C-alpha atoms as a PDB file:
ATOM      1  CA  MET A   1     115.940  48.510  50.965  1.00  0.00           C
ATOM      2  CA  LEU A   2     115.668  45.274  49.740  1.00  0.00           C
ATOM      3  CA  ASP A   3     112.482  44.428  52.482  1.00  0.00           C
ATOM      4  CA  LYS A   4     110.937  47.696  50.973  1.00  0.00           C
ATOM      5  CA  LEU A   5     110.286  45.630  47.685  1.00  0.00           C
ATOM      6  CA  ALA A   6     108.367  42.787  48.341  1.00  0.00           C
ATOM      7  CA  LEU A   7     104.690  42.416  47.950  1.00  0.00           C
ATOM      8  CA  ASP A   8     101.867  40.292  49.636  1.00  0.00           C
ATOM      9  CA  CYS A   9      99.304  39.149  46.645  1.00  0.00           C
ATOM     10  CA  HIS A  10      96.513  37.891  49.229  1.00  0.00           C
ATOM     11  CA  ALA A  11      95.626  38.921  52.616  1.00  0.00           C
ATOM     12  CA  HIS A  12      92.772  39.765  54.858  1.00  0.00           C
ATOM     13  CA  PHE A  13      93.287  42.509  57.054  1.00  0.00           C
ATOM     14  CA  GLU A  14      89.611  42.889  58.276  1.00  0.00           C
ATOM     15  CA  LEU A  15      89.573  38.860  59.757  1.00  0.00           C
ATOM     16  CA  TYR A  16      91.989  40.179  62.379  1.00  0.00           C
ATOM     17  CA  SER A  17      90.260  41.218  65.978  1.00  0.00           C
ATOM     18  CA  LYS A  18      88.979  44.477  65.263  1.00  0.00           C
ATOM     19  CA  SER A  19      91.043  45.853  67.927  1.00  0.00           C
ATOM     20  CA  LYS A  20      94.426  44.196  66.297  1.00  0.00           C
ATOM     21  CA  ILE A  21      93.857  45.369  62.844  1.00  0.00           C
ATOM     22  CA  GLU A  22      95.743  48.578  62.716  1.00  0.00           C
ATOM     23  CA  GLU A  23      98.747  46.917  64.583  1.00  0.00           C
ATOM     24  CA  GLU A  24      98.812  44.651  61.873  1.00  0.00           C
ATOM     25  CA  ILE A  25      98.955  47.295  59.066  1.00  0.00           C
ATOM     26  CA  GLU A  26     101.179  49.107  60.500  1.00  0.00           C
ATOM     27  CA  LEU A  27     103.584  46.107  61.110  1.00  0.00           C
ATOM     28  CA  ALA A  28     103.153  45.201  57.703  1.00  0.00           C
ATOM     29  CA  LYS A  29     104.202  48.304  56.833  1.00  0.00           C
ATOM     30  CA  LYS A  30     107.083  48.430  58.049  1.00  0.00           C
ATOM     31  CA  CYS A  31     108.515  45.385  55.668  1.00  0.00           C
ATOM     32  CA  VAL A  32     106.221  45.117  52.946  1.00  0.00           C
ATOM     33  CA  GLU A  33     105.199  47.695  50.391  1.00  0.00           C
ATOM     34  CA  VAL A  34     102.207  46.739  49.317  1.00  0.00           C
ATOM     35  CA  VAL A  35      99.185  44.350  50.478  1.00  0.00           C
ATOM     36  CA  PHE A  36      96.415  42.893  48.220  1.00  0.00           C
ATOM     37  CA  ASP A  37      93.283  42.548  50.485  1.00  0.00           C
ATOM     38  CA  SER A  38      90.614  40.227  48.921  1.00  0.00           C
ATOM     39  CA  ILE A  39      87.440  42.039  51.045  1.00  0.00           C
ATOM     40  CA  THR A  40      85.492  37.980  50.903  1.00  0.00           C
ATOM     41  CA  GLU A  41      81.799  37.743  52.434  1.00  0.00           C
ATOM     42  CA  TYR A  42      82.493  35.383  54.703  1.00  0.00           C
ATOM     43  CA  ARG A  43      80.522  34.517  57.655  1.00  0.00           C
ATOM     44  CA  LYS A  44      80.130  37.356  59.544  1.00  0.00           C
ATOM     45  CA  ALA A  45      82.290  39.751  57.325  1.00  0.00           C
ATOM     46  CA  HIS A  46      80.451  41.721  55.075  1.00  0.00           C
ATOM     47  CA  VAL A  47      82.299  43.052  52.383  1.00  0.00           C
ATOM     48  CA  TRP A  48      80.822  46.442  52.920  1.00  0.00           C
ATOM     49  CA  LYS A  49      81.811  46.487  56.533  1.00  0.00           C
ATOM     50  CA  SER A  50      85.109  45.471  55.498  1.00  0.00           C
ATOM     51  CA  TRP A  51      85.573  47.701  52.958  1.00  0.00           C
ATOM     52  CA  GLU A  52      84.858  50.936  55.438  1.00  0.00           C
ATOM     53  CA  ILE A  53      87.456  49.177  58.138  1.00  0.00           C
ATOM     54  CA  LEU A  54      90.052  49.454  55.106  1.00  0.00           C
ATOM     55  CA  LYS A  55      89.473  51.940  53.439  1.00  0.00           C
ATOM     56  CA  PRO A  56      91.120  54.763  55.294  1.00  0.00           C
ATOM     57  CA  TYR A  57      94.843  52.200  53.833  1.00  0.00           C
ATOM     58  CA  PHE A  58      93.742  52.452  50.535  1.00  0.00           C
ATOM     59  CA  GLY A  59      96.600  53.057  48.349  1.00  0.00           C
ATOM     60  CA  TYR A  60      98.792  51.164  50.723  1.00  0.00           C
ATOM     61  CA  ILE A  61      96.027  48.201  50.731  1.00  0.00           C
ATOM     62  CA  ILE A  62      94.749  47.256  47.038  1.00  0.00           C
ATOM     63  CA  PRO A  63      91.754  45.693  46.986  1.00  0.00           C
ATOM     64  CA  THR A  64      89.577  43.373  45.419  1.00  0.00           C
ATOM     65  CA  ILE A  65      85.642  41.804  46.238  1.00  0.00           C
ATOM     66  CA  GLY A  66      84.703  38.358  46.525  1.00  0.00           C
ATOM     67  CA  PHE A  67      82.477  35.770  47.905  1.00  0.00           C
ATOM     68  CA  HIS A  68      84.061  33.031  49.892  1.00  0.00           C
ATOM     69  CA  PRO A  69      83.236  29.312  48.257  1.00  0.00           C
ATOM     70  CA  ASN A  70      82.547  28.225  52.429  1.00  0.00           C
ATOM     71  CA  GLU A  71      79.781  31.019  52.482  1.00  0.00           C
ATOM     72  CA  ALA A  72      78.770  29.913  48.683  1.00  0.00           C
ATOM     73  CA  LYS A  73      78.005  26.416  50.322  1.00  0.00           C
ATOM     74  CA  ARG A  74      74.847  27.635  52.092  1.00  0.00           C
ATOM     75  CA  GLY A  75      73.222  29.202  48.631  1.00  0.00           C
ATOM     76  CA  ASN A  76      71.980  32.355  50.347  1.00  0.00           C
ATOM     77  CA  TRP A  77      71.277  34.190  46.987  1.00  0.00           C
ATOM     78  CA  ASP A  78      70.236  37.314  48.668  1.00  0.00           C
ATOM     79  CA  ARG A  79      73.271  37.621  50.481  1.00  0.00           C
ATOM     80  CA  VAL A  80      74.989  37.205  46.444  1.00  0.00           C
ATOM     81  CA  LYS A  81      72.650  39.659  45.415  1.00  0.00           C
ATOM     82  CA  LYS A  82      74.052  42.352  47.992  1.00  0.00           C
ATOM     83  CA  VAL A  83      77.732  41.534  47.121  1.00  0.00           C
ATOM     84  CA  GLU A  84      76.934  42.235  43.504  1.00  0.00           C
ATOM     85  CA  ASP A  85      75.622  44.847  44.026  1.00  0.00           C
ATOM     86  CA  PHE A  86      78.441  46.554  46.301  1.00  0.00           C
ATOM     87  CA  LEU A  87      80.911  45.082  44.221  1.00  0.00           C
ATOM     88  CA  ARG A  88      79.229  46.612  41.172  1.00  0.00           C
ATOM     89  CA  GLU A  89      79.036  49.691  42.618  1.00  0.00           C
ATOM     90  CA  LYS A  90      83.193  49.434  43.347  1.00  0.00           C
ATOM     91  CA  HIS A  91      84.029  47.836  40.761  1.00  0.00           C
ATOM     92  CA  LYS A  92      86.006  51.177  39.089  1.00  0.00           C
ATOM     93  CA  GLU A  93      88.169  50.972  42.767  1.00  0.00           C
ATOM     94  CA  ILE A  94      88.840  47.515  42.712  1.00  0.00           C
ATOM     95  CA  VAL A  95      91.955  45.341  40.531  1.00  0.00           C
ATOM     96  CA  ALA A  96      90.021  41.802  40.651  1.00  0.00           C
ATOM     97  CA  VAL A  97      86.817  40.029  41.982  1.00  0.00           C
ATOM     98  CA  GLY A  98      87.764  37.612  44.560  1.00  0.00           C
ATOM     99  CA  GLU A  99      88.298  34.966  45.932  1.00  0.00           C
ATOM    100  CA  ILE A 100      85.497  32.883  44.697  1.00  0.00           C
ATOM    101  CA  GLY A 101      86.052  29.245  44.164  1.00  0.00           C
ATOM    102  CA  LEU A 102      84.994  25.786  45.065  1.00  0.00           C
ATOM    103  CA  ASP A 103      85.910  23.898  48.580  1.00  0.00           C
ATOM    104  CA  PHE A 104      85.376  20.716  48.224  1.00  0.00           C
ATOM    105  CA  TYR A 105      87.140  20.181  51.362  1.00  0.00           C
ATOM    106  CA  HIS A 106      84.483  21.813  53.482  1.00  0.00           C
ATOM    107  CA  ALA A 107      81.574  21.323  50.909  1.00  0.00           C
ATOM    108  CA  LYS A 108      80.281  17.750  51.713  1.00  0.00           C
ATOM    109  CA  THR A 109      77.214  17.400  50.029  1.00  0.00           C
ATOM    110  CA  GLU A 110      76.394  17.560  46.538  1.00  0.00           C
ATOM    111  CA  VAL A 111      73.994  20.344  47.215  1.00  0.00           C
ATOM    112  CA  GLU A 112      76.818  22.121  49.083  1.00  0.00           C
ATOM    113  CA  ARG A 113      78.804  21.517  45.902  1.00  0.00           C
ATOM    114  CA  GLU A 114      76.239  22.460  43.542  1.00  0.00           C
ATOM    115  CA  ASN A 115      76.035  25.896  45.837  1.00  0.00           C
ATOM    116  CA  GLN A 116      79.188  26.486  45.242  1.00  0.00           C
ATOM    117  CA  MET A 117      79.369  26.145  41.507  1.00  0.00           C
ATOM    118  CA  LYS A 118      76.223  28.551  40.626  1.00  0.00           C
ATOM    119  CA  ILE A 119      77.690  30.966  42.512  1.00  0.00           C
ATOM    120  CA  LEU A 120      81.292  30.697  41.424  1.00  0.00           C
ATOM    121  CA  ARG A 121      79.515  31.006  37.675  1.00  0.00           C
ATOM    122  CA  HIS A 122      77.744  33.803  38.676  1.00  0.00           C
ATOM    123  CA  PHE A 123      80.891  36.143  39.986  1.00  0.00           C
ATOM    124  CA  LEU A 124      82.878  34.767  36.595  1.00  0.00           C
ATOM    125  CA  LYS A 125      80.253  35.923  34.181  1.00  0.00           C
ATOM    126  CA  ILE A 126      80.400  39.284  36.649  1.00  0.00           C
ATOM    127  CA  SER A 127      83.981  39.593  36.313  1.00  0.00           C
ATOM    128  CA  SER A 128      83.849  38.825  32.445  1.00  0.00           C
ATOM    129  CA  GLU A 129      81.347  41.447  31.898  1.00  0.00           C
ATOM    130  CA  LEU A 130      83.174  44.047  34.303  1.00  0.00           C
ATOM    131  CA  ASN A 131      86.398  43.308  32.576  1.00  0.00           C
ATOM    132  CA  LEU A 132      88.509  42.322  35.674  1.00  0.00           C
ATOM    133  CA  PRO A 133      90.454  39.372  36.396  1.00  0.00           C
ATOM    134  CA  VAL A 134      89.798  36.652  39.180  1.00  0.00           C
ATOM    135  CA  VAL A 135      91.265  35.111  42.273  1.00  0.00           C
ATOM    136  CA  ILE A 136      90.489  31.818  42.619  1.00  0.00           C
ATOM    137  CA  HIS A 137      90.149  29.577  45.767  1.00  0.00           C
ATOM    138  CA  ALA A 138      90.563  25.907  45.149  1.00  0.00           C
ATOM    139  CA  ARG A 139      90.585  22.872  47.458  1.00  0.00           C
ATOM    140  CA  LYS A 140      90.002  19.636  46.518  1.00  0.00           C
ATOM    141  CA  ALA A 141      88.284  20.866  42.885  1.00  0.00           C
ATOM    142  CA  GLU A 142      91.292  22.729  41.355  1.00  0.00           C
ATOM    143  CA  GLU A 143      90.318  20.861  37.975  1.00  0.00           C
ATOM    144  CA  LEU A 144      86.303  21.634  38.631  1.00  0.00           C
ATOM    145  CA  ALA A 145      87.642  25.251  39.090  1.00  0.00           C
ATOM    146  CA  PHE A 146      90.172  25.601  36.223  1.00  0.00           C
ATOM    147  CA  LYS A 147      87.655  24.037  33.827  1.00  0.00           C
ATOM    148  CA  GLU A 148      84.761  26.560  34.894  1.00  0.00           C
ATOM    149  CA  VAL A 149      87.068  29.627  34.669  1.00  0.00           C
ATOM    150  CA  ASP A 150      88.254  28.272  31.371  1.00  0.00           C
ATOM    151  CA  LYS A 151      84.737  28.745  30.231  1.00  0.00           C
ATOM    152  CA  PHE A 152      84.874  32.512  30.851  1.00  0.00           C
ATOM    153  CA  ASP A 153      86.800  35.610  29.182  1.00  0.00           C
ATOM    154  CA  VAL A 154      88.720  36.123  32.344  1.00  0.00           C
ATOM    155  CA  LYS A 155      92.414  36.354  33.430  1.00  0.00           C
ATOM    156  CA  ALA A 156      92.720  33.854  36.868  1.00  0.00           C
ATOM    157  CA  TYR A 157      95.178  33.790  39.914  1.00  0.00           C
ATOM    158  CA  PHE A 158      94.969  30.699  41.694  1.00  0.00           C
ATOM    159  CA  HIS A 159      95.741  32.221  45.428  1.00  0.00           C
ATOM    160  CA  SER A 160      97.017  29.762  47.835  1.00  0.00           C
ATOM    161  CA  PHE A 161      97.127  26.636  45.543  1.00  0.00           C
ATOM    162  CA  THR A 162      97.650  22.953  46.752  1.00  0.00           C
ATOM    163  CA  GLY A 163      96.572  20.688  43.880  1.00  0.00           C
ATOM    164  CA  ASP A 164      98.071  18.534  41.179  1.00  0.00           C
ATOM    165  CA  VAL A 165     101.583  20.254  39.853  1.00  0.00           C
ATOM    166  CA  ASN A 166     100.608  19.517  35.909  1.00  0.00           C
ATOM    167  CA  LEU A 167      97.733  21.339  36.680  1.00  0.00           C
ATOM    168  CA  ALA A 168      99.572  24.074  38.288  1.00  0.00           C
ATOM    169  CA  LYS A 169     101.591  24.318  35.155  1.00  0.00           C
ATOM    170  CA  GLU A 170      98.601  25.109  33.037  1.00  0.00           C
ATOM    171  CA  ILE A 171      97.482  27.724  34.998  1.00  0.00           C
ATOM    172  CA  GLU A 172      98.551  31.416  34.075  1.00  0.00           C
ATOM    173  CA  PHE A 173      99.410  32.523  37.857  1.00  0.00           C
ATOM    174  CA  ILE A 174      99.388  30.374  40.709  1.00  0.00           C
ATOM    175  CA  GLY A 175      99.911  31.578  44.604  1.00  0.00           C
ATOM    176  CA  ILE A 176     102.697  30.237  46.477  1.00  0.00           C
ATOM    177  CA  SER A 177     101.716  30.696  50.334  1.00  0.00           C
ATOM    178  CA  THR A 178     103.799  30.980  53.469  1.00  0.00           C
ATOM    179  CA  GLY A 179     102.529  27.445  53.636  1.00  0.00           C
ATOM    180  CA  ILE A 180     105.394  26.735  51.470  1.00  0.00           C
ATOM    181  CA  ARG A 181     107.387  25.952  54.992  1.00  0.00           C
ATOM    182  CA  PHE A 182     105.070  23.087  55.988  1.00  0.00           C
ATOM    183  CA  ILE A 183     103.066  21.885  53.085  1.00  0.00           C
ATOM    184  CA  PRO A 184     104.450  19.469  51.169  1.00  0.00           C
ATOM    185  CA  GLU A 185     102.267  19.920  48.080  1.00  0.00           C
ATOM    186  CA  VAL A 186     102.973  23.596  48.299  1.00  0.00           C
ATOM    187  CA  ARG A 187     106.623  23.292  48.029  1.00  0.00           C
ATOM    188  CA  GLU A 188     106.095  20.701  44.996  1.00  0.00           C
ATOM    189  CA  VAL A 189     103.856  23.331  43.198  1.00  0.00           C
ATOM    190  CA  ALA A 190     106.626  26.323  43.898  1.00  0.00           C
ATOM    191  CA  LYS A 191     109.528  23.829  42.788  1.00  0.00           C
ATOM    192  CA  LYS A 192     108.028  22.885  39.541  1.00  0.00           C
ATOM    193  CA  VAL A 193     106.245  25.880  37.822  1.00  0.00           C
ATOM    194  CA  ASP A 194     108.033  28.135  36.291  1.00  0.00           C
ATOM    195  CA  LEU A 195     109.080  32.017  38.342  1.00  0.00           C
ATOM    196  CA  GLU A 196     107.105  33.892  35.746  1.00  0.00           C
ATOM    197  CA  ASN A 197     103.460  32.283  36.542  1.00  0.00           C
ATOM    198  CA  ILE A 198     104.351  32.534  40.435  1.00  0.00           C
ATOM    199  CA  LEU A 199     102.442  35.369  42.734  1.00  0.00           C
ATOM    200  CA  ILE A 200     103.502  35.286  46.545  1.00  0.00           C
ATOM    201  CA  GLU A 201     101.066  35.702  49.507  1.00  0.00           C
ATOM    202  CA  THR A 202     100.315  35.083  52.748  1.00  0.00           C
ATOM    203  CA  ASP A 203      96.727  34.721  53.208  1.00  0.00           C
ATOM    204  CA  SER A 204      96.936  36.201  56.376  1.00  0.00           C
ATOM    205  CA  PRO A 205      95.818  35.787  59.313  1.00  0.00           C
ATOM    206  CA  TYR A 206      95.725  32.385  58.626  1.00  0.00           C
ATOM    207  CA  MET A 207      99.010  30.205  57.055  1.00  0.00           C
ATOM    208  CA  SER A 208     100.991  31.211  59.178  1.00  0.00           C
ATOM    209  CA  PRO A 209     104.737  29.681  58.932  1.00  0.00           C
ATOM    210  CA  PHE A 210     105.334  30.128  62.751  1.00  0.00           C
ATOM    211  CA  LYS A 211     103.538  27.751  65.229  1.00  0.00           C
ATOM    212  CA  GLY A 212     100.954  29.133  67.526  1.00  0.00           C
ATOM    213  CA  LYS A 213     101.294  32.500  65.824  1.00  0.00           C
ATOM    214  CA  VAL A 214      99.153  34.308  63.963  1.00  0.00           C
ATOM    215  CA  ASN A 215     100.245  35.291  59.963  1.00  0.00           C
ATOM    216  CA  ASN A 216     101.495  39.121  58.906  1.00  0.00           C
ATOM    217  CA  PRO A 217     102.138  40.103  55.171  1.00  0.00           C
ATOM    218  CA  CYS A 218     106.084  40.466  56.327  1.00  0.00           C
ATOM    219  CA  ASN A 219     105.801  36.541  56.338  1.00  0.00           C
ATOM    220  CA  VAL A 220     106.025  36.709  52.818  1.00  0.00           C
ATOM    221  CA  PHE A 221     109.459  36.614  53.317  1.00  0.00           C
ATOM    222  CA  VAL A 222     109.152  33.333  54.207  1.00  0.00           C
ATOM    223  CA  VAL A 223     107.744  32.196  50.902  1.00  0.00           C
ATOM    224  CA  LEU A 224     111.091  34.082  49.381  1.00  0.00           C
ATOM    225  CA  GLU A 225     113.826  33.071  51.209  1.00  0.00           C
ATOM    226  CA  ASP A 226     112.252  29.133  50.726  1.00  0.00           C
ATOM    227  CA  LEU A 227     111.682  30.071  46.865  1.00  0.00           C
ATOM    228  CA  GLU A 228     115.431  31.013  46.717  1.00  0.00           C
ATOM    229  CA  LYS A 229     116.374  27.317  47.927  1.00  0.00           C
ATOM    230  CA  LEU A 230     114.104  25.683  45.462  1.00  0.00           C
ATOM    231  CA  LYS A 231     115.187  27.629  42.251  1.00  0.00           C
ATOM    232  CA  GLY A 232     118.823  28.276  43.136  1.00  0.00           C
ATOM    233  CA  VAL A 233     117.833  32.381  42.455  1.00  0.00           C
ATOM    234  CA  GLU A 234     118.583  35.034  43.967  1.00  0.00           C
ATOM    235  CA  VAL A 235     115.803  37.088  46.156  1.00  0.00           C
ATOM    236  CA  GLU A 236     116.180  40.267  44.464  1.00  0.00           C
ATOM    237  CA  GLU A 237     115.947  38.547  41.574  1.00  0.00           C
ATOM    238  CA  ILE A 238     112.415  36.366  42.802  1.00  0.00           C
ATOM    239  CA  ILE A 239     111.339  40.106  43.475  1.00  0.00           C
ATOM    240  CA  GLU A 240     111.420  41.509  40.508  1.00  0.00           C
ATOM    241  CA  VAL A 241     110.121  38.830  38.963  1.00  0.00           C
ATOM    242  CA  VAL A 242     107.225  38.366  40.966  1.00  0.00           C
ATOM    243  CA  ARG A 243     106.701  42.153  40.898  1.00  0.00           C
ATOM    244  CA  LYS A 244     106.044  41.854  37.203  1.00  0.00           C
ATOM    245  CA  ASN A 245     103.608  39.271  37.421  1.00  0.00           C
ATOM    246  CA  THR A 246     101.972  40.765  39.728  1.00  0.00           C
ATOM    247  CA  SER A 247     101.962  44.207  37.860  1.00  0.00           C
ATOM    248  CA  LYS A 248     100.659  41.998  34.844  1.00  0.00           C
ATOM    249  CA  PHE A 249      97.576  40.184  36.571  1.00  0.00           C
ATOM    250  CA  PHE A 250      96.097  42.546  38.114  1.00  0.00           C
ATOM    251  CA  GLY A 251      96.725  45.473  35.718  1.00  0.00           C
ATOM    252  CA  ILE A 252      98.202  48.086  37.442  1.00  0.00           C
ATOM    253  CA  ASN A 253     101.837  49.762  36.967  1.00  0.00           C
ATOM    254  CA  LEU A 254     104.057  48.814  40.702  1.00  0.00           C
END
């Protein structure tokens, strides 16, 4: 079946309400073959707790580990060290470091932005050392994040990209999210960036294309439908190309 061939390159099952996690995973299994979950340190969602919650589903869920920039803005280096230790312990079980990055939409002060930058550099260094690719969150700071990534010997995927189209063309892998349905910048990037540089994602439980509803990886088909219209390429072909892109980026055989 066509709907068993799709995948979601970026979601957060651990960020649903606890009572809904299993239900949302089971729903996703009905229409998406595999989900890459960015297990990211953010607020009360500690990576080690999220790991234990999702571990029974590994295989269907493929994990990464990261430190969200909206947590990084606080500059809590004790927390950074705990995440680093956990990441190093699990590095052979993950396929990337992330999400990490810069978010100047939420980080308003120079101190917050400097905290984000220092922590981004810290995890980029770790990624390079461990020979792992990185999943980048960049908002209102896409060019700065790109320049930092470029200083390190790492492969990068800029997830849920809403930045400049010309910059997008310089980045090896761009994440086109379900925001394609309602964010003009996402549609513009999706239109102009080559299919060979695109990964598809939902960023569930966020970025729902349906007002008033929580997002789920099944909605990756919204991305595929809209890409089909924008690119003039059939969904089957898009899925095949995206699978190759995903395998290439994460370094695994899908």
